[in-house]
Amino acid sequence: VQLQASGGGLVQAGGSLRLSCVSSLSQFSTHIMEWSRQAPGKPREVVAIIGIGGSTRYHDSVKGRFTISRDDAKNTVYLQMSGLKSEDTAVYYCSRILPLPELSGQGTQVTVSS
C-alpha cells in the first residue's frame, strides 16, 4: 500500500477528528498531496491541498474548520477536522496529485451524527 489513510470514525456534530495518511513513496517532500471525499450518491470533491513547503488550499465548505498539514520527516499528511457537520459525512481519500501519475490510497470513513 503506497498511501495508507487512517483516523476516520463516528463523531457527533461539532466534534473533531484527525485523519492521517502515511506515504511509502520516495521523495515524499516533493509531492503535492490532497485530501478528497466522496459522500454516497455524490461525486468526489477535493477538500484540501498542500504543496511543497506547506502552502495550502481549501474547499470553501471547510475553510476555517479543517486544516491540512504535512510532516515530511514522517512521510505523513494530516487533515485536522473540527466543527464537523453531518454534511461532512463521506469516505475521505488521500492522494498524491503531483508528480504524475496521481495515486490514491484506500479511503477512511467519516460519519458525523447530528
PDB file of N, CA and C in Angstrom:
ATOM      1  N   VAL A   1       0.851  -1.192   0.000  1.00  0.00           N
ATOM      2  CA  VAL A   1       0.000   0.000   0.000  1.00  0.00           C
ATOM      3  C   VAL A   1       0.885   1.239   0.000  1.00  0.00           C
ATOM      4  N   GLN A   2       0.686   2.114  -0.945  1.00  0.00           N
ATOM      5  CA  GLN A   2       1.547   3.284  -1.066  1.00  0.00           C
ATOM      6  C   GLN A   2       1.071   4.460  -0.230  1.00  0.00           C
ATOM      7  N   LEU A   3      -0.248   4.594  -0.076  1.00  0.00           N
ATOM      8  CA  LEU A   3      -0.827   5.654   0.730  1.00  0.00           C
ATOM      9  C   LEU A   3      -1.834   5.006   1.678  1.00  0.00           C
ATOM     10  N   GLN A   4      -1.563   5.094   2.968  1.00  0.00           N
ATOM     11  CA  GLN A   4      -2.391   4.446   3.975  1.00  0.00           C
ATOM     12  C   GLN A   4      -3.067   5.494   4.837  1.00  0.00           C
ATOM     13  N   ALA A   5      -4.378   5.636   4.648  1.00  0.00           N
ATOM     14  CA  ALA A   5      -5.149   6.617   5.421  1.00  0.00           C
ATOM     15  C   ALA A   5      -5.766   5.959   6.638  1.00  0.00           C
ATOM     16  N   SER A   6      -5.888   6.733   7.694  1.00  0.00           N
ATOM     17  CA  SER A   6      -6.497   6.239   8.921  1.00  0.00           C
ATOM     18  C   SER A   6      -7.068   7.409   9.703  1.00  0.00           C
ATOM     19  N   GLY A   7      -7.813   7.082  10.748  1.00  0.00           N
ATOM     20  CA  GLY A   7      -8.308   8.116  11.640  1.00  0.00           C
ATOM     21  C   GLY A   7      -9.788   8.413  11.528  1.00  0.00           C
ATOM     22  N   GLY A   8     -10.447   7.797  10.570  1.00  0.00           N
ATOM     23  CA  GLY A   8     -11.879   8.026  10.437  1.00  0.00           C
ATOM     24  C   GLY A   8     -12.645   7.382  11.580  1.00  0.00           C
ATOM     25  N   GLY A   9     -13.932   7.692  11.620  1.00  0.00           N
ATOM     26  CA  GLY A   9     -14.769   7.115  12.655  1.00  0.00           C
ATOM     27  C   GLY A   9     -16.092   7.820  12.746  1.00  0.00           C
ATOM     28  N   LEU A  10     -16.785   7.537  13.834  1.00  0.00           N
ATOM     29  CA  LEU A  10     -18.085   8.146  14.106  1.00  0.00           C
ATOM     30  C   LEU A  10     -17.912   9.244  15.141  1.00  0.00           C
ATOM     31  N   VAL A  11     -18.440  10.402  14.839  1.00  0.00           N
ATOM     32  CA  VAL A  11     -18.299  11.539  15.739  1.00  0.00           C
ATOM     33  C   VAL A  11     -19.598  12.339  15.727  1.00  0.00           C
ATOM     34  N   GLN A  12     -19.883  12.971  16.828  1.00  0.00           N
ATOM     35  CA  GLN A  12     -21.068  13.821  16.891  1.00  0.00           C
ATOM     36  C   GLN A  12     -20.819  15.147  16.204  1.00  0.00           C
ATOM     37  N   ALA A  13     -21.867  15.744  15.735  1.00  0.00           N
ATOM     38  CA  ALA A  13     -21.767  17.060  15.120  1.00  0.00           C
ATOM     39  C   ALA A  13     -21.100  18.024  16.096  1.00  0.00           C
ATOM     40  N   GLY A  14     -20.197  18.828  15.557  1.00  0.00           N
ATOM     41  CA  GLY A  14     -19.433  19.748  16.382  1.00  0.00           C
ATOM     42  C   GLY A  14     -18.125  19.176  16.884  1.00  0.00           C
ATOM     43  N   GLY A  15     -17.945  17.893  16.709  1.00  0.00           N
ATOM     44  CA  GLY A  15     -16.742  17.228  17.185  1.00  0.00           C
ATOM     45  C   GLY A  15     -15.578  17.358  16.229  1.00  0.00           C
ATOM     46  N   SER A  16     -14.499  16.666  16.585  1.00  0.00           N
ATOM     47  CA  SER A  16     -13.260  16.748  15.821  1.00  0.00           C
ATOM     48  C   SER A  16     -12.708  15.359  15.529  1.00  0.00           C
ATOM     49  N   LEU A  17     -11.966  15.288  14.443  1.00  0.00           N
ATOM     50  CA  LEU A  17     -11.216  14.090  14.081  1.00  0.00           C
ATOM     51  C   LEU A  17      -9.942  14.537  13.394  1.00  0.00           C
ATOM     52  N   ARG A  18      -8.916  13.709  13.497  1.00  0.00           N
ATOM     53  CA  ARG A  18      -7.701  13.950  12.718  1.00  0.00           C
ATOM     54  C   ARG A  18      -7.415  12.735  11.865  1.00  0.00           C
ATOM     55  N   LEU A  19      -7.392  12.963  10.571  1.00  0.00           N
ATOM     56  CA  LEU A  19      -7.034  11.914   9.621  1.00  0.00           C
ATOM     57  C   LEU A  19      -5.538  11.966   9.356  1.00  0.00           C
ATOM     58  N   SER A  20      -4.955  10.796   9.168  1.00  0.00           N
ATOM     59  CA  SER A  20      -3.543  10.694   8.828  1.00  0.00           C
ATOM     60  C   SER A  20      -3.397   9.873   7.552  1.00  0.00           C
ATOM     61  N   CYS A  21      -2.375  10.176   6.805  1.00  0.00           N
ATOM     62  CA  CYS A  21      -2.078   9.410   5.596  1.00  0.00           C
ATOM     63  C   CYS A  21      -0.566   9.238   5.531  1.00  0.00           C
ATOM     64  N   VAL A  22      -0.138   8.010   5.674  1.00  0.00           N
ATOM     65  CA  VAL A  22       1.288   7.698   5.613  1.00  0.00           C
ATOM     66  C   VAL A  22       1.640   7.231   4.213  1.00  0.00           C
ATOM     67  N   SER A  23       2.654   7.850   3.661  1.00  0.00           N
ATOM     68  CA  SER A  23       3.091   7.518   2.301  1.00  0.00           C
ATOM     69  C   SER A  23       4.350   6.665   2.332  1.00  0.00           C
ATOM     70  N   SER A  24       4.360   5.662   1.504  1.00  0.00           N
ATOM     71  CA  SER A  24       5.561   4.845   1.353  1.00  0.00           C
ATOM     72  C   SER A  24       6.325   5.218   0.091  1.00  0.00           C
ATOM     73  N   LEU A  25       5.881   6.288  -0.548  1.00  0.00           N
ATOM     74  CA  LEU A  25       6.520   6.733  -1.791  1.00  0.00           C
ATOM     75  C   LEU A  25       7.813   7.477  -1.473  1.00  0.00           C
ATOM     76  N   SER A  26       8.768   7.313  -2.365  1.00  0.00           N
ATOM     77  CA  SER A  26      10.033   8.009  -2.156  1.00  0.00           C
ATOM     78  C   SER A  26       9.885   9.486  -2.489  1.00  0.00           C
ATOM     79  N   GLN A  27      10.740  10.284  -1.917  1.00  0.00           N
ATOM     80  CA  GLN A  27      10.775  11.726  -2.151  1.00  0.00           C
ATOM     81  C   GLN A  27       9.452  12.388  -1.812  1.00  0.00           C
ATOM     82  N   PHE A  28       8.866  11.980  -0.700  1.00  0.00           N
ATOM     83  CA  PHE A  28       7.558  12.498  -0.284  1.00  0.00           C
ATOM     84  C   PHE A  28       7.562  14.015  -0.195  1.00  0.00           C
ATOM     85  N   SER A  29       8.652  14.595   0.233  1.00  0.00           N
ATOM     86  CA  SER A  29       8.682  16.047   0.437  1.00  0.00           C
ATOM     87  C   SER A  29       8.500  16.829  -0.853  1.00  0.00           C
ATOM     88  N   THR A  30       8.652  16.177  -1.980  1.00  0.00           N
ATOM     89  CA  THR A  30       8.490  16.842  -3.272  1.00  0.00           C
ATOM     90  C   THR A  30       7.092  16.630  -3.868  1.00  0.00           C
ATOM     91  N   HIS A  31       6.239  15.980  -3.099  1.00  0.00           N
ATOM     92  CA  HIS A  31       4.914  15.646  -3.617  1.00  0.00           C
ATOM     93  C   HIS A  31       3.870  16.656  -3.164  1.00  0.00           C
ATOM     94  N   ILE A  32       2.954  16.986  -4.059  1.00  0.00           N
ATOM     95  CA  ILE A  32       1.782  17.767  -3.706  1.00  0.00           C
ATOM     96  C   ILE A  32       0.687  16.775  -3.338  1.00  0.00           C
ATOM     97  N   MET A  33       0.126  16.956  -2.142  1.00  0.00           N
ATOM     98  CA  MET A  33      -0.813  15.993  -1.591  1.00  0.00           C
ATOM     99  C   MET A  33      -2.198  16.598  -1.439  1.00  0.00           C
ATOM    100  N   GLU A  34      -3.175  15.750  -1.438  1.00  0.00           N
ATOM    101  CA  GLU A  34      -4.569  16.204  -1.431  1.00  0.00           C
ATOM    102  C   GLU A  34      -5.406  15.276  -0.570  1.00  0.00           C
ATOM    103  N   TRP A  35      -6.374  15.847   0.108  1.00  0.00           N
ATOM    104  CA  TRP A  35      -7.466  15.093   0.729  1.00  0.00           C
ATOM    105  C   TRP A  35      -8.732  15.382  -0.086  1.00  0.00           C
ATOM    106  N   SER A  36      -9.451  14.356  -0.397  1.00  0.00           N
ATOM    107  CA  SER A  36     -10.735  14.499  -1.074  1.00  0.00           C
ATOM    108  C   SER A  36     -11.749  13.628  -0.345  1.00  0.00           C
ATOM    109  N   ARG A  37     -13.006  13.775  -0.701  1.00  0.00           N
ATOM    110  CA  ARG A  37     -14.037  12.980  -0.052  1.00  0.00           C
ATOM    111  C   ARG A  37     -15.146  12.670  -1.043  1.00  0.00           C
ATOM    112  N   GLN A  38     -15.844  11.587  -0.744  1.00  0.00           N
ATOM    113  CA  GLN A  38     -16.979  11.204  -1.564  1.00  0.00           C
ATOM    114  C   GLN A  38     -18.095  10.736  -0.657  1.00  0.00           C
ATOM    115  N   ALA A  39     -19.201  11.452  -0.727  1.00  0.00           N
ATOM    116  CA  ALA A  39     -20.395  11.082   0.010  1.00  0.00           C
ATOM    117  C   ALA A  39     -21.260  10.195  -0.876  1.00  0.00           C
ATOM    118  N   PRO A  40     -22.109   9.386  -0.283  1.00  0.00           N
ATOM    119  CA  PRO A  40     -22.961   8.495  -1.079  1.00  0.00           C
ATOM    120  C   PRO A  40     -23.776   9.255  -2.112  1.00  0.00           C
ATOM    121  N   GLY A  41     -23.715   8.805  -3.341  1.00  0.00           N
ATOM    122  CA  GLY A  41     -24.508   9.415  -4.402  1.00  0.00           C
ATOM    123  C   GLY A  41     -23.982  10.740  -4.915  1.00  0.00           C
ATOM    124  N   LYS A  42     -22.799  11.134  -4.447  1.00  0.00           N
ATOM    125  CA  LYS A  42     -22.230  12.409  -4.872  1.00  0.00           C
ATOM    126  C   LYS A  42     -20.859  12.191  -5.484  1.00  0.00           C
ATOM    127  N   PRO A  43     -20.432  13.112  -6.338  1.00  0.00           N
ATOM    128  CA  PRO A  43     -19.099  12.980  -6.912  1.00  0.00           C
ATOM    129  C   PRO A  43     -18.025  13.293  -5.866  1.00  0.00           C
ATOM    130  N   ARG A  44     -16.834  12.785  -6.131  1.00  0.00           N
ATOM    131  CA  ARG A  44     -15.726  13.095  -5.234  1.00  0.00           C
ATOM    132  C   ARG A  44     -15.411  14.570  -5.340  1.00  0.00           C
ATOM    133  N   GLU A  45     -15.087  15.192  -4.193  1.00  0.00           N
ATOM    134  CA  GLU A  45     -14.706  16.603  -4.189  1.00  0.00           C
ATOM    135  C   GLU A  45     -13.403  16.772  -3.413  1.00  0.00           C
ATOM    136  N   VAL A  46     -12.602  17.704  -3.889  1.00  0.00           N
ATOM    137  CA  VAL A  46     -11.340  17.990  -3.238  1.00  0.00           C
ATOM    138  C   VAL A  46     -11.606  18.831  -1.993  1.00  0.00           C
ATOM    139  N   VAL A  47     -11.069  18.406  -0.881  1.00  0.00           N
ATOM    140  CA  VAL A  47     -11.268  19.099   0.388  1.00  0.00           C
ATOM    141  C   VAL A  47     -10.111  20.051   0.666  1.00  0.00           C
ATOM    142  N   ALA A  48      -8.895  19.567   0.484  1.00  0.00           N
ATOM    143  CA  ALA A  48      -7.726  20.387   0.811  1.00  0.00           C
ATOM    144  C   ALA A  48      -6.513  19.877   0.046  1.00  0.00           C
ATOM    145  N   ILE A  49      -5.633  20.813  -0.239  1.00  0.00           N
ATOM    146  CA  ILE A  49      -4.385  20.510  -0.952  1.00  0.00           C
ATOM    147  C   ILE A  49      -3.237  21.149  -0.190  1.00  0.00           C
ATOM    148  N   ILE A  50      -2.127  20.437  -0.139  1.00  0.00           N
ATOM    149  CA  ILE A  50      -0.926  21.005   0.468  1.00  0.00           C
ATOM    150  C   ILE A  50       0.239  20.822  -0.483  1.00  0.00           C
ATOM    151  N   GLY A  51       0.934  21.917  -0.702  1.00  0.00           N
ATOM    152  CA  GLY A  51       2.050  21.892  -1.637  1.00  0.00           C
ATOM    153  C   GLY A  51       3.382  21.665  -0.942  1.00  0.00           C
ATOM    154  N   ILE A  52       4.397  21.729  -1.760  1.00  0.00           N
ATOM    155  CA  ILE A  52       5.756  21.618  -1.251  1.00  0.00           C
ATOM    156  C   ILE A  52       6.035  22.851  -0.399  1.00  0.00           C
ATOM    157  N   GLY A  53       6.510  22.636   0.804  1.00  0.00           N
ATOM    158  CA  GLY A  53       6.761  23.769   1.679  1.00  0.00           C
ATOM    159  C   GLY A  53       5.572  24.152   2.529  1.00  0.00           C
ATOM    160  N   GLY A  54       4.412  23.532   2.264  1.00  0.00           N
ATOM    161  CA  GLY A  54       3.283  23.723   3.159  1.00  0.00           C
ATOM    162  C   GLY A  54       2.203  24.696   2.731  1.00  0.00           C
ATOM    163  N   SER A  55       2.267  25.193   1.511  1.00  0.00           N
ATOM    164  CA  SER A  55       1.171  26.061   1.063  1.00  0.00           C
ATOM    165  C   SER A  55      -0.112  25.240   0.978  1.00  0.00           C
ATOM    166  N   THR A  56      -1.239  25.873   1.282  1.00  0.00           N
ATOM    167  CA  THR A  56      -2.497  25.129   1.380  1.00  0.00           C
ATOM    168  C   THR A  56      -3.631  25.799   0.620  1.00  0.00           C
ATOM    169  N   ARG A  57      -4.592  24.993   0.222  1.00  0.00           N
ATOM    170  CA  ARG A  57      -5.826  25.471  -0.365  1.00  0.00           C
ATOM    171  C   ARG A  57      -6.951  24.599   0.163  1.00  0.00           C
ATOM    172  N   TYR A  58      -8.139  25.206   0.291  1.00  0.00           N
ATOM    173  CA  TYR A  58      -9.273  24.502   0.868  1.00  0.00           C
ATOM    174  C   TYR A  58     -10.535  24.710   0.050  1.00  0.00           C
ATOM    175  N   HIS A  59     -11.393  23.708   0.104  1.00  0.00           N
ATOM    176  CA  HIS A  59     -12.740  23.869  -0.420  1.00  0.00           C
ATOM    177  C   HIS A  59     -13.449  24.885   0.469  1.00  0.00           C
ATOM    178  N   ASP A  60     -14.284  25.705  -0.134  1.00  0.00           N
ATOM    179  CA  ASP A  60     -14.961  26.754   0.630  1.00  0.00           C
ATOM    180  C   ASP A  60     -15.748  26.188   1.807  1.00  0.00           C
ATOM    181  N   SER A  61     -16.293  25.001   1.647  1.00  0.00           N
ATOM    182  CA  SER A  61     -17.165  24.448   2.688  1.00  0.00           C
ATOM    183  C   SER A  61     -16.414  24.042   3.955  1.00  0.00           C
ATOM    184  N   VAL A  62     -15.092  23.942   3.880  1.00  0.00           N
ATOM    185  CA  VAL A  62     -14.330  23.517   5.059  1.00  0.00           C
ATOM    186  C   VAL A  62     -13.373  24.588   5.574  1.00  0.00           C
ATOM    187  N   LYS A  63     -13.325  25.708   4.907  1.00  0.00           N
ATOM    188  CA  LYS A  63     -12.424  26.776   5.343  1.00  0.00           C
ATOM    189  C   LYS A  63     -12.765  27.199   6.775  1.00  0.00           C
ATOM    190  N   GLY A  64     -11.724  27.315   7.580  1.00  0.00           N
ATOM    191  CA  GLY A  64     -11.920  27.700   8.966  1.00  0.00           C
ATOM    192  C   GLY A  64     -12.232  26.539   9.891  1.00  0.00           C
ATOM    193  N   ARG A  65     -12.506  25.372   9.313  1.00  0.00           N
ATOM    194  CA  ARG A  65     -12.821  24.207  10.139  1.00  0.00           C
ATOM    195  C   ARG A  65     -11.788  23.082   9.973  1.00  0.00           C
ATOM    196  N   PHE A  66     -11.248  22.939   8.787  1.00  0.00           N
ATOM    197  CA  PHE A  66     -10.287  21.878   8.503  1.00  0.00           C
ATOM    198  C   PHE A  66      -8.903  22.488   8.289  1.00  0.00           C
ATOM    199  N   THR A  67      -7.887  21.737   8.684  1.00  0.00           N
ATOM    200  CA  THR A  67      -6.508  22.146   8.467  1.00  0.00           C
ATOM    201  C   THR A  67      -5.708  20.970   7.924  1.00  0.00           C
ATOM    202  N   ILE A  68      -5.099  21.181   6.774  1.00  0.00           N
ATOM    203  CA  ILE A  68      -4.219  20.170   6.205  1.00  0.00           C
ATOM    204  C   ILE A  68      -2.783  20.527   6.581  1.00  0.00           C
ATOM    205  N   SER A  69      -2.007  19.520   6.894  1.00  0.00           N
ATOM    206  CA  SER A  69      -0.611  19.752   7.237  1.00  0.00           C
ATOM    207  C   SER A  69       0.203  18.532   6.814  1.00  0.00           C
ATOM    208  N   ARG A  70       1.504  18.680   6.862  1.00  0.00           N
ATOM    209  CA  ARG A  70       2.364  17.573   6.477  1.00  0.00           C
ATOM    210  C   ARG A  70       3.584  17.535   7.375  1.00  0.00           C
ATOM    211  N   ASP A  71       4.090  16.325   7.572  1.00  0.00           N
ATOM    212  CA  ASP A  71       5.340  16.111   8.283  1.00  0.00           C
ATOM    213  C   ASP A  71       6.213  15.294   7.348  1.00  0.00           C
ATOM    214  N   ASP A  72       7.100  15.966   6.666  1.00  0.00           N
ATOM    215  CA  ASP A  72       7.911  15.283   5.660  1.00  0.00           C
ATOM    216  C   ASP A  72       8.879  14.283   6.297  1.00  0.00           C
ATOM    217  N   ALA A  73       9.244  14.518   7.534  1.00  0.00           N
ATOM    218  CA  ALA A  73      10.127  13.568   8.217  1.00  0.00           C
ATOM    219  C   ALA A  73       9.434  12.236   8.471  1.00  0.00           C
ATOM    220  N   LYS A  74       8.103  12.295   8.559  1.00  0.00           N
ATOM    221  CA  LYS A  74       7.319  11.081   8.801  1.00  0.00           C
ATOM    222  C   LYS A  74       6.565  10.614   7.565  1.00  0.00           C
ATOM    223  N   ASN A  75       6.798  11.278   6.439  1.00  0.00           N
ATOM    224  CA  ASN A  75       6.076  10.931   5.199  1.00  0.00           C
ATOM    225  C   ASN A  75       4.561  10.881   5.431  1.00  0.00           C
ATOM    226  N   THR A  76       4.055  11.862   6.130  1.00  0.00           N
ATOM    227  CA  THR A  76       2.658  11.836   6.539  1.00  0.00           C
ATOM    228  C   THR A  76       1.983  13.171   6.252  1.00  0.00           C
ATOM    229  N   VAL A  77       0.752  13.080   5.791  1.00  0.00           N
ATOM    230  CA  VAL A  77      -0.095  14.255   5.627  1.00  0.00           C
ATOM    231  C   VAL A  77      -1.302  14.071   6.534  1.00  0.00           C
ATOM    232  N   TYR A  78      -1.733  15.164   7.140  1.00  0.00           N
ATOM    233  CA  TYR A  78      -2.825  15.134   8.097  1.00  0.00           C
ATOM    234  C   TYR A  78      -3.987  15.993   7.626  1.00  0.00           C
ATOM    235  N   LEU A  79      -5.158  15.669   8.143  1.00  0.00           N
ATOM    236  CA  LEU A  79      -6.317  16.534   7.975  1.00  0.00           C
ATOM    237  C   LEU A  79      -6.985  16.636   9.341  1.00  0.00           C
ATOM    238  N   GLN A  80      -6.803  17.788   9.976  1.00  0.00           N
ATOM    239  CA  GLN A  80      -7.459  18.061  11.249  1.00  0.00           C
ATOM    240  C   GLN A  80      -8.824  18.656  10.950  1.00  0.00           C
ATOM    241  N   MET A  81      -9.852  17.993  11.432  1.00  0.00           N
ATOM    242  CA  MET A  81     -11.214  18.423  11.158  1.00  0.00           C
ATOM    243  C   MET A  81     -11.896  18.781  12.463  1.00  0.00           C
ATOM    244  N   SER A  82     -12.451  19.961  12.517  1.00  0.00           N
ATOM    245  CA  SER A  82     -13.189  20.391  13.696  1.00  0.00           C
ATOM    246  C   SER A  82     -14.510  20.992  13.267  1.00  0.00           C
ATOM    247  N   GLY A  83     -15.381  21.198  14.219  1.00  0.00           N
ATOM    248  CA  GLY A  83     -16.692  21.735  13.889  1.00  0.00           C
ATOM    249  C   GLY A  83     -17.412  20.889  12.865  1.00  0.00           C
ATOM    250  N   LEU A  84     -17.285  19.572  13.021  1.00  0.00           N
ATOM    251  CA  LEU A  84     -17.824  18.672  11.996  1.00  0.00           C
ATOM    252  C   LEU A  84     -19.337  18.779  11.893  1.00  0.00           C
ATOM    253  N   LYS A  85     -19.811  18.655  10.670  1.00  0.00           N
ATOM    254  CA  LYS A  85     -21.231  18.733  10.355  1.00  0.00           C
ATOM    255  C   LYS A  85     -21.672  17.434   9.694  1.00  0.00           C
ATOM    256  N   SER A  86     -22.968  17.198   9.694  1.00  0.00           N
ATOM    257  CA  SER A  86     -23.469  15.973   9.086  1.00  0.00           C
ATOM    258  C   SER A  86     -23.089  15.898   7.611  1.00  0.00           C
ATOM    259  N   GLU A  87     -23.010  17.043   6.954  1.00  0.00           N
ATOM    260  CA  GLU A  87     -22.653  17.045   5.531  1.00  0.00           C
ATOM    261  C   GLU A  87     -21.186  16.730   5.279  1.00  0.00           C
ATOM    262  N   ASP A  88     -20.397  16.607   6.331  1.00  0.00           N
ATOM    263  CA  ASP A  88     -19.011  16.167   6.175  1.00  0.00           C
ATOM    264  C   ASP A  88     -18.905  14.649   6.103  1.00  0.00           C
ATOM    265  N   THR A  89     -20.009  13.971   6.338  1.00  0.00           N
ATOM    266  CA  THR A  89     -20.007  12.511   6.269  1.00  0.00           C
ATOM    267  C   THR A  89     -19.630  12.050   4.864  1.00  0.00           C
ATOM    268  N   ALA A  90     -18.595  11.234   4.780  1.00  0.00           N
ATOM    269  CA  ALA A  90     -18.087  10.780   3.492  1.00  0.00           C
ATOM    270  C   ALA A  90     -16.939   9.809   3.721  1.00  0.00           C
ATOM    271  N   VAL A  91     -16.520   9.187   2.645  1.00  0.00           N
ATOM    272  CA  VAL A  91     -15.250   8.464   2.658  1.00  0.00           C
ATOM    273  C   VAL A  91     -14.176   9.464   2.241  1.00  0.00           C
ATOM    274  N   TYR A  92     -13.138   9.568   3.029  1.00  0.00           N
ATOM    275  CA  TYR A  92     -12.057  10.518   2.780  1.00  0.00           C
ATOM    276  C   TYR A  92     -10.843   9.774   2.212  1.00  0.00           C
ATOM    277  N   TYR A  93     -10.262  10.366   1.187  1.00  0.00           N
ATOM    278  CA  TYR A  93      -9.125   9.766   0.496  1.00  0.00           C
ATOM    279  C   TYR A  93      -7.940  10.723   0.508  1.00  0.00           C
ATOM    280  N   CYS A  94      -6.756  10.165   0.651  1.00  0.00           N
ATOM    281  CA  CYS A  94      -5.572  10.987   0.418  1.00  0.00           C
ATOM    282  C   CYS A  94      -4.953  10.570  -0.906  1.00  0.00           C
ATOM    283  N   SER A  95      -4.361  11.540  -1.577  1.00  0.00           N
ATOM    284  CA  SER A  95      -3.804  11.302  -2.899  1.00  0.00           C
ATOM    285  C   SER A  95      -2.537  12.115  -3.096  1.00  0.00           C
ATOM    286  N   ARG A  96      -1.659  11.561  -3.875  1.00  0.00           N
ATOM    287  CA  ARG A  96      -0.572  12.357  -4.425  1.00  0.00           C
ATOM    288  C   ARG A  96      -1.073  12.865  -5.775  1.00  0.00           C
ATOM    289  N   ILE A  97      -1.084  14.164  -5.972  1.00  0.00           N
ATOM    290  CA  ILE A  97      -1.569  14.687  -7.244  1.00  0.00           C
ATOM    291  C   ILE A  97      -0.434  15.116  -8.162  1.00  0.00           C
ATOM    292  N   LEU A  98       0.709  15.427  -7.606  1.00  0.00           N
ATOM    293  CA  LEU A  98       1.907  15.708  -8.390  1.00  0.00           C
ATOM    294  C   LEU A  98       3.114  15.241  -7.604  1.00  0.00           C
ATOM    295  N   PRO A  99       4.076  14.654  -8.304  1.00  0.00           N
ATOM    296  CA  PRO A  99       4.138  14.434  -9.741  1.00  0.00           C
ATOM    297  C   PRO A  99       3.202  13.332 -10.208  1.00  0.00           C
ATOM    298  N   LEU A 100       2.902  13.337 -11.490  1.00  0.00           N
ATOM    299  CA  LEU A 100       2.101  12.287 -12.056  1.00  0.00           C
ATOM    300  C   LEU A 100       2.895  10.978 -12.053  1.00  0.00           C
ATOM    301  N   PRO A 101       2.230   9.818 -11.998  1.00  0.00           N
ATOM    302  CA  PRO A 101       0.778   9.677 -12.049  1.00  0.00           C
ATOM    303  C   PRO A 101       0.138   9.970 -10.700  1.00  0.00           C
ATOM    304  N   GLU A 102      -1.109  10.409 -10.735  1.00  0.00           N
ATOM    305  CA  GLU A 102      -1.838  10.607  -9.498  1.00  0.00           C
ATOM    306  C   GLU A 102      -2.084   9.259  -8.841  1.00  0.00           C
ATOM    307  N   LEU A 103      -1.884   9.211  -7.552  1.00  0.00           N
ATOM    308  CA  LEU A 103      -2.066   7.977  -6.801  1.00  0.00           C
ATOM    309  C   LEU A 103      -2.985   8.248  -5.618  1.00  0.00           C
ATOM    310  N   SER A 104      -3.895   7.323  -5.345  1.00  0.00           N
ATOM    311  CA  SER A 104      -4.797   7.454  -4.209  1.00  0.00           C
ATOM    312  C   SER A 104      -4.726   6.214  -3.349  1.00  0.00           C
ATOM    313  N   GLY A 105      -4.938   6.428  -2.056  1.00  0.00           N
ATOM    314  CA  GLY A 105      -4.996   5.308  -1.146  1.00  0.00           C
ATOM    315  C   GLY A 105      -6.425   4.851  -0.946  1.00  0.00           C
ATOM    316  N   GLN A 106      -6.577   3.885  -0.072  1.00  0.00           N
ATOM    317  CA  GLN A 106      -7.932   3.460   0.263  1.00  0.00           C
ATOM    318  C   GLN A 106      -8.541   4.535   1.151  1.00  0.00           C
ATOM    319  N   GLY A 107      -9.806   4.636   1.170  1.00  0.00           N
ATOM    320  CA  GLY A 107     -10.443   5.692   1.934  1.00  0.00           C
ATOM    321  C   GLY A 107     -10.627   5.321   3.389  1.00  0.00           C
ATOM    322  N   THR A 108     -10.976   6.334   4.156  1.00  0.00           N
ATOM    323  CA  THR A 108     -11.337   6.123   5.556  1.00  0.00           C
ATOM    324  C   THR A 108     -12.683   6.800   5.784  1.00  0.00           C
ATOM    325  N   GLN A 109     -13.594   6.084   6.410  1.00  0.00           N
ATOM    326  CA  GLN A 109     -14.960   6.575   6.561  1.00  0.00           C
ATOM    327  C   GLN A 109     -15.060   7.547   7.727  1.00  0.00           C
ATOM    328  N   VAL A 110     -15.679   8.676   7.450  1.00  0.00           N
ATOM    329  CA  VAL A 110     -16.012   9.646   8.493  1.00  0.00           C
ATOM    330  C   VAL A 110     -17.530   9.783   8.521  1.00  0.00           C
ATOM    331  N   THR A 111     -18.102   9.543   9.675  1.00  0.00           N
ATOM    332  CA  THR A 111     -19.547   9.658   9.840  1.00  0.00           C
ATOM    333  C   THR A 111     -19.830  10.632  10.967  1.00  0.00           C
ATOM    334  N   VAL A 112     -20.606  11.667  10.643  1.00  0.00           N
ATOM    335  CA  VAL A 112     -20.953  12.685  11.620  1.00  0.00           C
ATOM    336  C   VAL A 112     -22.427  12.552  11.951  1.00  0.00           C
ATOM    337  N   SER A 113     -22.717  12.301  13.202  1.00  0.00           N
ATOM    338  CA  SER A 113     -24.104  12.145  13.626  1.00  0.00           C
ATOM    339  C   SER A 113     -24.626  13.476  14.148  1.00  0.00           C
ATOM    340  N   SER A 114     -25.869  13.745  13.781  1.00  0.00           N
ATOM    341  CA  SER A 114     -26.456  15.031  14.203  1.00  0.00           C
ATOM    342  C   SER A 114     -27.316  14.854  15.452  1.00  0.00           C
TER     343      SER A 114
END
